PDB file of all heavy atoms in Angstrom:
ATOM      1  N   GLY A   1     114.761 100.322  83.986  1.00  0.00           N
ATOM      2  CA  GLY A   1     114.156 100.015  85.266  1.00  0.00           C
ATOM      3  C   GLY A   1     112.693  99.683  85.077  1.00  0.00           C
ATOM      4  O   GLY A   1     112.109  99.970  84.033  1.00  0.00           O
ATOM      5  N   ASN A   2     112.094  99.058  86.110  1.00  0.00           N
ATOM      6  CA  ASN A   2     110.687  98.685  85.996  1.00  0.00           C
ATOM      7  C   ASN A   2     109.800  99.377  87.024  1.00  0.00           C
ATOM      8  O   ASN A   2     108.609  99.124  87.082  1.00  0.00           O
ATOM      9  CB  ASN A   2     110.531  97.161  86.101  1.00  0.00           C
ATOM     10  CG  ASN A   2     111.113  96.605  87.378  1.00  0.00           C
ATOM     11  OD1 ASN A   2     111.305  97.327  88.348  1.00  0.00           O
ATOM     12  ND2 ASN A   2     111.401  95.321  87.379  1.00  0.00           N
ATOM     13  N   GLY A   3     110.377 100.227  87.862  1.00  0.00           N
ATOM     14  CA  GLY A   3     109.580 100.946  88.842  1.00  0.00           C
ATOM     15  C   GLY A   3     109.171 100.123  90.047  1.00  0.00           C
ATOM     16  O   GLY A   3     108.191 100.448  90.712  1.00  0.00           O
ATOM     17  N   LEU A   4     109.917  99.069  90.357  1.00  0.00           N
ATOM     18  CA  LEU A   4     109.582  98.233  91.508  1.00  0.00           C
ATOM     19  C   LEU A   4     110.561  98.352  92.666  1.00  0.00           C
ATOM     20  O   LEU A   4     110.243  97.989  93.793  1.00  0.00           O
ATOM     21  CB  LEU A   4     109.481  96.760  91.091  1.00  0.00           C
ATOM     22  CG  LEU A   4     108.269  96.413  90.243  1.00  0.00           C
ATOM     23  CD1 LEU A   4     108.337  94.964  89.788  1.00  0.00           C
ATOM     24  CD2 LEU A   4     106.987  96.675  90.998  1.00  0.00           C
ATOM     25  N   GLY A   5     111.769  98.837  92.429  1.00  0.00           N
ATOM     26  CA  GLY A   5     112.807  98.876  93.454  1.00  0.00           C
ATOM     27  C   GLY A   5     112.393  99.603  94.720  1.00  0.00           C
ATOM     28  O   GLY A   5     112.546  99.092  95.829  1.00  0.00           O
ATOM     29  N   LEU A   6     111.843 100.793  94.586  1.00  0.00           N
ATOM     30  CA  LEU A   6     111.458 101.561  95.776  1.00  0.00           C
ATOM     31  C   LEU A   6     110.194 101.010  96.429  1.00  0.00           C
ATOM     32  O   LEU A   6     109.992 101.173  97.637  1.00  0.00           O
ATOM     33  CB  LEU A   6     111.300 103.036  95.439  1.00  0.00           C
ATOM     34  CG  LEU A   6     112.616 103.760  95.120  1.00  0.00           C
ATOM     35  CD1 LEU A   6     112.361 105.216  94.759  1.00  0.00           C
ATOM     36  CD2 LEU A   6     113.597 103.662  96.279  1.00  0.00           C
ATOM     37  N   THR A   7     109.358 100.309  95.664  1.00  0.00           N
ATOM     38  CA  THR A   7     108.205  99.622  96.247  1.00  0.00           C
ATOM     39  C   THR A   7     108.696  98.504  97.168  1.00  0.00           C
ATOM     40  O   THR A   7     108.181  98.319  98.275  1.00  0.00           O
ATOM     41  CB  THR A   7     107.304  99.048  95.136  1.00  0.00           C
ATOM     42  OG1 THR A   7     106.916 100.104  94.273  1.00  0.00           O
ATOM     43  CG2 THR A   7     106.074  98.380  95.711  1.00  0.00           C
ATOM     44  N   ILE A   8     109.707  97.775  96.727  1.00  0.00           N
ATOM     45  CA  ILE A   8     110.310  96.715  97.537  1.00  0.00           C
ATOM     46  C   ILE A   8     110.952  97.315  98.782  1.00  0.00           C
ATOM     47  O   ILE A   8     110.822  96.777  99.886  1.00  0.00           O
ATOM     48  CB  ILE A   8     111.328  95.914  96.707  1.00  0.00           C
ATOM     49  CG1 ILE A   8     110.604  95.138  95.616  1.00  0.00           C
ATOM     50  CG2 ILE A   8     112.169  94.992  97.586  1.00  0.00           C
ATOM     51  CD1 ILE A   8     111.509  94.539  94.559  1.00  0.00           C
ATOM     52  N   VAL A   9     111.640  98.436  98.633  1.00  0.00           N
ATOM     53  CA  VAL A   9     112.255  99.122  99.771  1.00  0.00           C
ATOM     54  C   VAL A   9     111.194  99.464 100.812  1.00  0.00           C
ATOM     55  O   VAL A   9     111.336  99.167 102.001  1.00  0.00           O
ATOM     56  CB  VAL A   9     113.003 100.399  99.320  1.00  0.00           C
ATOM     57  CG1 VAL A   9     113.364 101.285 100.505  1.00  0.00           C
ATOM     58  CG2 VAL A   9     114.249 100.035  98.518  1.00  0.00           C
ATOM     59  N   LYS A  10     110.105 100.077 100.384  1.00  0.00           N
ATOM     60  CA  LYS A  10     109.048 100.517 101.307  1.00  0.00           C
ATOM     61  C   LYS A  10     108.378  99.331 101.990  1.00  0.00           C
ATOM     62  O   LYS A  10     108.128  99.351 103.204  1.00  0.00           O
ATOM     63  CB  LYS A  10     108.018 101.368 100.544  1.00  0.00           C
ATOM     64  CG  LYS A  10     106.903 101.904 101.409  1.00  0.00           C
ATOM     65  CD  LYS A  10     107.394 102.980 102.351  1.00  0.00           C
ATOM     66  CE  LYS A  10     106.241 103.678 103.027  1.00  0.00           C
ATOM     67  NZ  LYS A  10     106.162 103.425 104.451  1.00  0.00           N
ATOM     68  N   THR A  11     108.086  98.277 101.242  1.00  0.00           N
ATOM     69  CA  THR A  11     107.460  97.083 101.823  1.00  0.00           C
ATOM     70  C   THR A  11     108.363  96.472 102.886  1.00  0.00           C
ATOM     71  O   THR A  11     107.909  96.113 103.980  1.00  0.00           O
ATOM     72  CB  THR A  11     107.147  96.053 100.722  1.00  0.00           C
ATOM     73  OG1 THR A  11     106.265  96.653  99.767  1.00  0.00           O
ATOM     74  CG2 THR A  11     106.520  94.797 101.292  1.00  0.00           C
ATOM     75  N   SER A  12     109.648  96.358 102.583  1.00  0.00           N
ATOM     76  CA  SER A  12     110.609  95.791 103.533  1.00  0.00           C
ATOM     77  C   SER A  12     110.726  96.664 104.776  1.00  0.00           C
ATOM     78  O   SER A  12     110.774  96.153 105.903  1.00  0.00           O
ATOM     79  CB  SER A  12     111.983  95.631 102.864  1.00  0.00           C
ATOM     80  OG  SER A  12     111.890  94.734 101.773  1.00  0.00           O
ATOM     81  N   LEU A  13     110.762  97.967 104.584  1.00  0.00           N
ATOM     82  CA  LEU A  13     110.831  98.891 105.720  1.00  0.00           C
ATOM     83  C   LEU A  13     109.597  98.785 106.610  1.00  0.00           C
ATOM     84  O   LEU A  13     109.707  98.786 107.842  1.00  0.00           O
ATOM     85  CB  LEU A  13     110.990 100.328 105.236  1.00  0.00           C
ATOM     86  CG  LEU A  13     112.391 100.765 104.896  1.00  0.00           C
ATOM     87  CD1 LEU A  13     112.387 102.105 104.182  1.00  0.00           C
ATOM     88  CD2 LEU A  13     113.239 100.833 106.140  1.00  0.00           C
ATOM     89  N   ASP A  14     108.440  98.688 106.000  1.00  0.00           N
ATOM     90  CA  ASP A  14     107.206  98.561 106.779  1.00  0.00           C
ATOM     91  C   ASP A  14     107.247  97.299 107.637  1.00  0.00           C
ATOM     92  O   ASP A  14     106.853  97.323 108.804  1.00  0.00           O
ATOM     93  CB  ASP A  14     105.986  98.541 105.856  1.00  0.00           C
ATOM     94  CG  ASP A  14     105.697  99.899 105.228  1.00  0.00           C
ATOM     95  OD1 ASP A  14     106.258 100.921 105.690  1.00  0.00           O
ATOM     96  OD2 ASP A  14     104.903  99.943 104.263  1.00  0.00           O
ATOM     97  N   LEU A  15     107.723  96.193 107.082  1.00  0.00           N
ATOM     98  CA  LEU A  15     107.811  94.939 107.827  1.00  0.00           C
ATOM     99  C   LEU A  15     108.782  95.041 109.001  1.00  0.00           C
ATOM    100  O   LEU A  15     108.596  94.412 110.034  1.00  0.00           O
ATOM    101  CB  LEU A  15     108.231  93.796 106.906  1.00  0.00           C
ATOM    102  CG  LEU A  15     107.158  93.286 105.954  1.00  0.00           C
ATOM    103  CD1 LEU A  15     107.771  92.369 104.896  1.00  0.00           C
ATOM    104  CD2 LEU A  15     106.062  92.566 106.720  1.00  0.00           C
ATOM    105  N   MET A  16     109.830  95.853 108.835  1.00  0.00           N
ATOM    106  CA  MET A  16     110.853  95.988 109.878  1.00  0.00           C
ATOM    107  C   MET A  16     110.549  97.126 110.854  1.00  0.00           C
ATOM    108  O   MET A  16     111.306  97.353 111.790  1.00  0.00           O
ATOM    109  CB  MET A  16     112.230  96.200 109.239  1.00  0.00           C
ATOM    110  CG  MET A  16     112.701  95.009 108.433  1.00  0.00           C
ATOM    111  SD  MET A  16     114.286  95.304 107.626  1.00  0.00           S
ATOM    112  CE  MET A  16     115.407  95.092 109.015  1.00  0.00           C
ATOM    113  N   GLY A  17     109.464  97.854 110.623  1.00  0.00           N
ATOM    114  CA  GLY A  17     109.106  98.960 111.512  1.00  0.00           C
ATOM    115  C   GLY A  17     109.962 100.192 111.299  1.00  0.00           C
ATOM    116  O   GLY A  17     110.116 101.014 112.203  1.00  0.00           O
ATOM    117  N   GLY A  18     110.503 100.349 110.089  1.00  0.00           N
ATOM    118  CA  GLY A  18     111.363 101.485 109.785  1.00  0.00           C
ATOM    119  C   GLY A  18     110.671 102.532 108.944  1.00  0.00           C
ATOM    120  O   GLY A  18     109.494 102.409 108.609  1.00  0.00           O
ATOM    121  N   ASN A  19     111.423 103.573 108.611  1.00  0.00           N
ATOM    122  CA  ASN A  19     110.887 104.620 107.748  1.00  0.00           C
ATOM    123  C   ASN A  19     111.981 105.152 106.845  1.00  0.00           C
ATOM    124  O   ASN A  19     113.162 104.886 107.046  1.00  0.00           O
ATOM    125  CB  ASN A  19     110.221 105.726 108.573  1.00  0.00           C
ATOM    126  CG  ASN A  19     111.206 106.426 109.480  1.00  0.00           C
ATOM    127  OD1 ASN A  19     112.189 106.992 109.025  1.00  0.00           O
ATOM    128  ND2 ASN A  19     110.952 106.398 110.779  1.00  0.00           N
ATOM    129  N   ILE A  20     111.557 105.910 105.847  1.00  0.00           N
ATOM    130  CA  ILE A  20     112.482 106.470 104.870  1.00  0.00           C
ATOM    131  C   ILE A  20     112.087 107.908 104.579  1.00  0.00           C
ATOM    132  O   ILE A  20     110.897 108.240 104.538  1.00  0.00           O
ATOM    133  CB  ILE A  20     112.497 105.623 103.575  1.00  0.00           C
ATOM    134  CG1 ILE A  20     113.594 106.091 102.608  1.00  0.00           C
ATOM    135  CG2 ILE A  20     111.128 105.596 102.912  1.00  0.00           C
ATOM    136  CD1 ILE A  20     113.861 105.121 101.467  1.00  0.00           C
ATOM    137  N   THR A  21     113.099 108.769 104.417  1.00  0.00           N
ATOM    138  CA  THR A  21     112.867 110.145 103.983  1.00  0.00           C
ATOM    139  C   THR A  21     113.733 110.409 102.760  1.00  0.00           C
ATOM    140  O   THR A  21     114.778 109.780 102.578  1.00  0.00           O
ATOM    141  CB  THR A  21     113.192 111.168 105.089  1.00  0.00           C
ATOM    142  OG1 THR A  21     114.547 111.000 105.498  1.00  0.00           O
ATOM    143  CG2 THR A  21     112.264 111.004 106.282  1.00  0.00           C
ATOM    144  N   ILE A  22     113.291 111.343 101.954  1.00  0.00           N
ATOM    145  CA  ILE A  22     113.994 111.676 100.717  1.00  0.00           C
ATOM    146  C   ILE A  22     114.182 113.180 100.663  1.00  0.00           C
ATOM    147  O   ILE A  22     113.241 113.943 100.881  1.00  0.00           O
ATOM    148  CB  ILE A  22     113.194 111.230  99.482  1.00  0.00           C
ATOM    149  CG1 ILE A  22     112.876 109.737  99.563  1.00  0.00           C
ATOM    150  CG2 ILE A  22     113.942 111.551  98.200  1.00  0.00           C
ATOM    151  CD1 ILE A  22     111.728 109.325  98.691  1.00  0.00           C
ATOM    152  N   ASP A  23     115.403 113.577 100.349  1.00  0.00           N
ATOM    153  CA  ASP A  23     115.708 114.983 100.115  1.00  0.00           C
ATOM    154  C   ASP A  23     116.360 115.042  98.745  1.00  0.00           C
ATOM    155  O   ASP A  23     117.411 114.433  98.535  1.00  0.00           O
ATOM    156  CB  ASP A  23     116.653 115.526 101.188  1.00  0.00           C
ATOM    157  CG  ASP A  23     116.973 116.996 100.976  1.00  0.00           C
ATOM    158  OD1 ASP A  23     116.158 117.716 100.358  1.00  0.00           O
ATOM    159  OD2 ASP A  23     118.058 117.424 101.422  1.00  0.00           O
ATOM    160  N   SER A  24     115.718 115.718  97.802  1.00  0.00           N
ATOM    161  CA  SER A  24     116.247 115.748  96.442  1.00  0.00           C
ATOM    162  C   SER A  24     116.173 117.148  95.865  1.00  0.00           C
ATOM    163  O   SER A  24     115.140 117.819  95.958  1.00  0.00           O
ATOM    164  CB  SER A  24     115.461 114.781  95.547  1.00  0.00           C
ATOM    165  OG  SER A  24     116.034 114.730  94.264  1.00  0.00           O
ATOM    166  N   GLN A  25     117.271 117.557  95.286  1.00  0.00           N
ATOM    167  CA  GLN A  25     117.349 118.819  94.570  1.00  0.00           C
ATOM    168  C   GLN A  25     117.517 118.486  93.090  1.00  0.00           C
ATOM    169  O   GLN A  25     118.463 117.793  92.721  1.00  0.00           O
ATOM    170  CB  GLN A  25     118.544 119.654  95.045  1.00  0.00           C
ATOM    171  CG  GLN A  25     118.570 119.890  96.552  1.00  0.00           C
ATOM    172  CD  GLN A  25     117.334 120.599  97.053  1.00  0.00           C
ATOM    173  OE1 GLN A  25     116.880 121.564  96.452  1.00  0.00           O
ATOM    174  NE2 GLN A  25     116.786 120.112  98.153  1.00  0.00           N
ATOM    175  N   VAL A  26     116.603 118.941  92.258  1.00  0.00           N
ATOM    176  CA  VAL A  26     116.659 118.631  90.834  1.00  0.00           C
ATOM    177  C   VAL A  26     117.988 119.114  90.260  1.00  0.00           C
ATOM    178  O   VAL A  26     118.408 120.250  90.485  1.00  0.00           O
ATOM    179  CB  VAL A  26     115.469 119.265  90.077  1.00  0.00           C
ATOM    180  CG1 VAL A  26     115.598 119.034  88.575  1.00  0.00           C
ATOM    181  CG2 VAL A  26     114.160 118.689  90.596  1.00  0.00           C
ATOM    182  N   GLY A  27     118.671 118.199  89.562  1.00  0.00           N
ATOM    183  CA  GLY A  27     119.949 118.511  88.942  1.00  0.00           C
ATOM    184  C   GLY A  27     121.114 118.514  89.899  1.00  0.00           C
ATOM    185  O   GLY A  27     122.207 118.973  89.554  1.00  0.00           O
ATOM    186  N   ASP A  28     120.926 118.000  91.107  1.00  0.00           N
ATOM    187  CA  ASP A  28     121.991 118.076  92.099  1.00  0.00           C
ATOM    188  C   ASP A  28     122.061 116.790  92.924  1.00  0.00           C
ATOM    189  O   ASP A  28     122.291 115.724  92.387  1.00  0.00           O
ATOM    190  CB  ASP A  28     121.767 119.304  92.988  1.00  0.00           C
ATOM    191  CG  ASP A  28     123.000 119.700  93.787  1.00  0.00           C
ATOM    192  OD1 ASP A  28     124.085 119.152  93.541  1.00  0.00           O
ATOM    193  OD2 ASP A  28     122.867 120.559  94.665  1.00  0.00           O
ATOM    194  N   ILE A  29     121.838 116.889  94.201  1.00  0.00           N
ATOM    195  CA  ILE A  29     122.037 115.768  95.118  1.00  0.00           C
ATOM    196  C   ILE A  29     120.695 115.208  95.595  1.00  0.00           C
ATOM    197  O   ILE A  29     119.776 115.962  95.913  1.00  0.00           O
ATOM    198  CB  ILE A  29     122.879 116.215  96.323  1.00  0.00           C
ATOM    199  CG1 ILE A  29     124.293 116.565  95.847  1.00  0.00           C
ATOM    200  CG2 ILE A  29     122.928 115.139  97.403  1.00  0.00           C
ATOM    201  CD1 ILE A  29     125.185 117.156  96.913  1.00  0.00           C
TER     202      ILE A  29
END
C-alpha cells in the first residue's frame, strides 16, 4: 500500500458533506 486510500476517502467525504468514524480493537474487529 502507499498510504493514500484513506486520504482519498476523507477528501471525497468532505466534498459530499459526510463523515467517517472508526472503531478498532487491536487483533480483532
